[in-house]
Amino acid sequence: LPAVVAVVGENVDLEPTGATLENAAEVEQAMDDAYLPALRDQGQSGEVLLRMKIDSQGNVDPATVEIVDATTVELGQAAAQRATLMRFEPPAEPRSPVVVDARASVDVRVRFHP
């Protein structure tokens, strides 16, 4: 697995595991926009763990985005809705000629903080 590379933004940190996020700045901005103003203004932080599969081009398969854990339902839904914006380094070609599922699984931890 690639090393975990955290992307630290003003109000959002992204920590993908399983693939390298190629458009981190764009996603960080979209997630920052998702950080509900009411929560941010109250100084409330939160965390969301998303799991998704990416195709051979590094794009997120929208049907596979799953909220594994979230501090609040609202933050989980907001982060999941923006997950399809993520573009990852394409997965390595499988070494076996028999492939059951060619998509790579990726976990992304999103931390919202004031």
C-alpha atoms as a PDB file:
ATOM      1  CA  LEU A   1       0.000   0.000   0.000  1.00  0.00           C
ATOM      2  CA  PRO A   2       1.176   3.542  -0.621  1.00  0.00           C
ATOM      3  CA  ALA A   3       2.211   5.630   2.328  1.00  0.00           C
ATOM      4  CA  VAL A   4      -0.607   7.586   3.906  1.00  0.00           C
ATOM      5  CA  VAL A   5      -0.328  11.191   2.852  1.00  0.00           C
ATOM      6  CA  ALA A   6      -2.402  13.553   4.927  1.00  0.00           C
ATOM      7  CA  VAL A   7      -3.691  16.692   3.257  1.00  0.00           C
ATOM      8  CA  VAL A   8      -4.090  19.400   5.867  1.00  0.00           C
ATOM      9  CA  GLY A   9      -6.357  22.296   5.013  1.00  0.00           C
ATOM     10  CA  GLU A  10      -7.716  25.274   6.902  1.00  0.00           C
ATOM     11  CA  ASN A  11     -10.797  23.449   8.199  1.00  0.00           C
ATOM     12  CA  VAL A  12     -10.419  19.947   6.741  1.00  0.00           C
ATOM     13  CA  ASP A  13      -7.748  17.248   6.817  1.00  0.00           C
ATOM     14  CA  LEU A  14      -7.849  14.346   4.344  1.00  0.00           C
ATOM     15  CA  GLU A  15      -6.057  11.076   5.005  1.00  0.00           C
ATOM     16  CA  PRO A  16      -6.423   8.481   2.215  1.00  0.00           C
ATOM     17  CA  THR A  17      -5.284   4.883   2.748  1.00  0.00           C
ATOM     18  CA  GLY A  18      -4.880   2.508  -0.181  1.00  0.00           C
ATOM     19  CA  ALA A  19      -4.181   5.026  -2.948  1.00  0.00           C
ATOM     20  CA  THR A  20      -2.640   8.429  -3.586  1.00  0.00           C
ATOM     21  CA  LEU A  21      -5.087  11.314  -3.952  1.00  0.00           C
ATOM     22  CA  GLU A  22      -4.145  13.330  -7.052  1.00  0.00           C
ATOM     23  CA  ASN A  23      -6.487  16.334  -6.709  1.00  0.00           C
ATOM     24  CA  ALA A  24      -6.100  16.989  -3.002  1.00  0.00           C
ATOM     25  CA  ALA A  25      -6.499  20.782  -3.160  1.00  0.00           C
ATOM     26  CA  GLU A  26      -9.801  20.535  -5.072  1.00  0.00           C
ATOM     27  CA  VAL A  27     -11.187  17.902  -2.705  1.00  0.00           C
ATOM     28  CA  GLU A  28     -10.023  19.778   0.390  1.00  0.00           C
ATOM     29  CA  GLN A  29     -11.894  22.873  -0.821  1.00  0.00           C
ATOM     30  CA  ALA A  30     -15.047  20.868  -1.574  1.00  0.00           C
ATOM     31  CA  MET A  31     -14.913  19.212   1.851  1.00  0.00           C
ATOM     32  CA  ASP A  32     -14.313  22.587   3.496  1.00  0.00           C
ATOM     33  CA  ASP A  33     -17.466  23.831   1.743  1.00  0.00           C
ATOM     34  CA  ALA A  34     -19.257  20.738   3.122  1.00  0.00           C
ATOM     35  CA  TYR A  35     -18.306  21.624   6.684  1.00  0.00           C
ATOM     36  CA  LEU A  36     -21.670  22.868   7.843  1.00  0.00           C
ATOM     37  CA  PRO A  37     -21.482  26.551   8.850  1.00  0.00           C
ATOM     38  CA  ALA A  38     -23.545  25.929  11.984  1.00  0.00           C
ATOM     39  CA  LEU A  39     -21.042  23.326  13.215  1.00  0.00           C
ATOM     40  CA  ARG A  40     -18.009  25.419  12.248  1.00  0.00           C
ATOM     41  CA  ASP A  41     -19.435  28.539  13.920  1.00  0.00           C
ATOM     42  CA  GLN A  42     -20.066  26.551  17.122  1.00  0.00           C
ATOM     43  CA  GLY A  43     -16.458  25.337  17.040  1.00  0.00           C
ATOM     44  CA  GLN A  44     -17.615  21.730  16.691  1.00  0.00           C
ATOM     45  CA  SER A  45     -15.190  19.307  15.060  1.00  0.00           C
ATOM     46  CA  GLY A  46     -16.010  15.976  13.488  1.00  0.00           C
ATOM     47  CA  GLU A  47     -14.575  13.027  11.642  1.00  0.00           C
ATOM     48  CA  VAL A  48     -15.834  10.830   8.816  1.00  0.00           C
ATOM     49  CA  LEU A  49     -14.385   7.572   7.516  1.00  0.00           C
ATOM     50  CA  LEU A  50     -15.384   6.826   3.927  1.00  0.00           C
ATOM     51  CA  ARG A  51     -14.725   3.618   2.000  1.00  0.00           C
ATOM     52  CA  MET A  52     -15.001   3.450  -1.774  1.00  0.00           C
ATOM     53  CA  LYS A  53     -13.688   1.622  -4.795  1.00  0.00           C
ATOM     54  CA  ILE A  54     -11.762   3.225  -7.614  1.00  0.00           C
ATOM     55  CA  ASP A  55     -11.665   2.078 -11.212  1.00  0.00           C
ATOM     56  CA  SER A  56      -8.627   1.474 -13.412  1.00  0.00           C
ATOM     57  CA  GLN A  57      -8.474   5.211 -14.214  1.00  0.00           C
ATOM     58  CA  GLY A  58      -8.429   6.243 -10.531  1.00  0.00           C
ATOM     59  CA  ASN A  59     -12.033   7.510 -10.491  1.00  0.00           C
ATOM     60  CA  VAL A  60     -14.374   6.789  -7.589  1.00  0.00           C
ATOM     61  CA  ASP A  61     -17.224   4.398  -8.358  1.00  0.00           C
ATOM     62  CA  PRO A  62     -20.196   6.381  -6.948  1.00  0.00           C
ATOM     63  CA  ALA A  63     -22.178   3.221  -6.196  1.00  0.00           C
ATOM     64  CA  THR A  64     -19.478   2.027  -3.777  1.00  0.00           C
ATOM     65  CA  VAL A  65     -19.105   5.110  -1.546  1.00  0.00           C
ATOM     66  CA  GLU A  66     -19.841   3.995   1.996  1.00  0.00           C
ATOM     67  CA  ILE A  67     -19.873   5.943   5.263  1.00  0.00           C
ATOM     68  CA  VAL A  68     -18.030   3.602   7.627  1.00  0.00           C
ATOM     69  CA  ASP A  69     -18.126   5.957  10.600  1.00  0.00           C
ATOM     70  CA  ALA A  70     -19.081   9.593  11.197  1.00  0.00           C
ATOM     71  CA  THR A  71     -19.282  11.921  14.167  1.00  0.00           C
ATOM     72  CA  THR A  72     -22.606  13.200  12.852  1.00  0.00           C
ATOM     73  CA  VAL A  73     -24.942  11.966  10.146  1.00  0.00           C
ATOM     74  CA  GLU A  74     -24.835  15.392   8.497  1.00  0.00           C
ATOM     75  CA  LEU A  75     -21.043  15.457   8.184  1.00  0.00           C
ATOM     76  CA  GLY A  76     -21.034  11.869   6.914  1.00  0.00           C
ATOM     77  CA  GLN A  77     -23.556  12.635   4.206  1.00  0.00           C
ATOM     78  CA  ALA A  78     -21.825  15.863   3.209  1.00  0.00           C
ATOM     79  CA  ALA A  79     -18.454  14.119   2.874  1.00  0.00           C
ATOM     80  CA  ALA A  80     -19.925  11.138   0.992  1.00  0.00           C
ATOM     81  CA  GLN A  81     -21.664  13.427  -1.512  1.00  0.00           C
ATOM     82  CA  ARG A  82     -18.311  14.992  -2.387  1.00  0.00           C
ATOM     83  CA  ALA A  83     -16.324  11.732  -2.506  1.00  0.00           C
ATOM     84  CA  THR A  84     -16.870  11.328  -6.238  1.00  0.00           C
ATOM     85  CA  LEU A  85     -14.751  14.443  -6.812  1.00  0.00           C
ATOM     86  CA  MET A  86     -11.694  12.474  -5.667  1.00  0.00           C
ATOM     87  CA  ARG A  87      -9.207  11.330  -8.300  1.00  0.00           C
ATOM     88  CA  PHE A  88      -6.594   8.800  -7.265  1.00  0.00           C
ATOM     89  CA  GLU A  89      -3.434   7.473  -8.799  1.00  0.00           C
ATOM     90  CA  PRO A  90      -4.708   4.505 -10.837  1.00  0.00           C
ATOM     91  CA  PRO A  91      -4.241   1.131  -9.132  1.00  0.00           C
ATOM     92  CA  ALA A  92      -1.392  -1.071 -10.272  1.00  0.00           C
ATOM     93  CA  GLU A  93      -2.251  -3.659 -12.895  1.00  0.00           C
ATOM     94  CA  PRO A  94      -3.207  -6.983 -11.328  1.00  0.00           C
ATOM     95  CA  ARG A  95      -0.509  -9.626 -11.593  1.00  0.00           C
ATOM     96  CA  SER A  96      -2.941 -12.503 -11.925  1.00  0.00           C
ATOM     97  CA  PRO A  97      -4.821 -13.089 -15.201  1.00  0.00           C
ATOM     98  CA  VAL A  98      -7.946 -13.931 -13.156  1.00  0.00           C
ATOM     99  CA  VAL A  99      -9.496 -10.810 -11.670  1.00  0.00           C
ATOM    100  CA  VAL A 100     -12.640 -11.037  -9.564  1.00  0.00           C
ATOM    101  CA  ASP A 101     -12.869  -7.291  -8.894  1.00  0.00           C
ATOM    102  CA  ALA A 102     -10.392  -5.030 -10.655  1.00  0.00           C
ATOM    103  CA  ARG A 103     -11.366  -2.024  -8.558  1.00  0.00           C
ATOM    104  CA  ALA A 104      -9.125  -1.029  -5.669  1.00  0.00           C
ATOM    105  CA  SER A 105     -10.618  -0.319  -2.257  1.00  0.00           C
ATOM    106  CA  VAL A 106      -9.720   3.030  -0.689  1.00  0.00           C
ATOM    107  CA  ASP A 107     -10.442   4.426   2.768  1.00  0.00           C
ATOM    108  CA  VAL A 108     -10.396   8.188   3.289  1.00  0.00           C
ATOM    109  CA  ARG A 109     -10.554   9.746   6.750  1.00  0.00           C
ATOM    110  CA  VAL A 110     -11.942  13.303   6.667  1.00  0.00           C
ATOM    111  CA  ARG A 111     -11.414  15.474   9.746  1.00  0.00           C
ATOM    112  CA  PHE A 112     -13.412  18.702  10.079  1.00  0.00           C
ATOM    113  CA  HIS A 113     -12.082  21.265  12.540  1.00  0.00           C
ATOM    114  CA  PRO A 114     -12.788  24.933  13.276  1.00  0.00           C
END
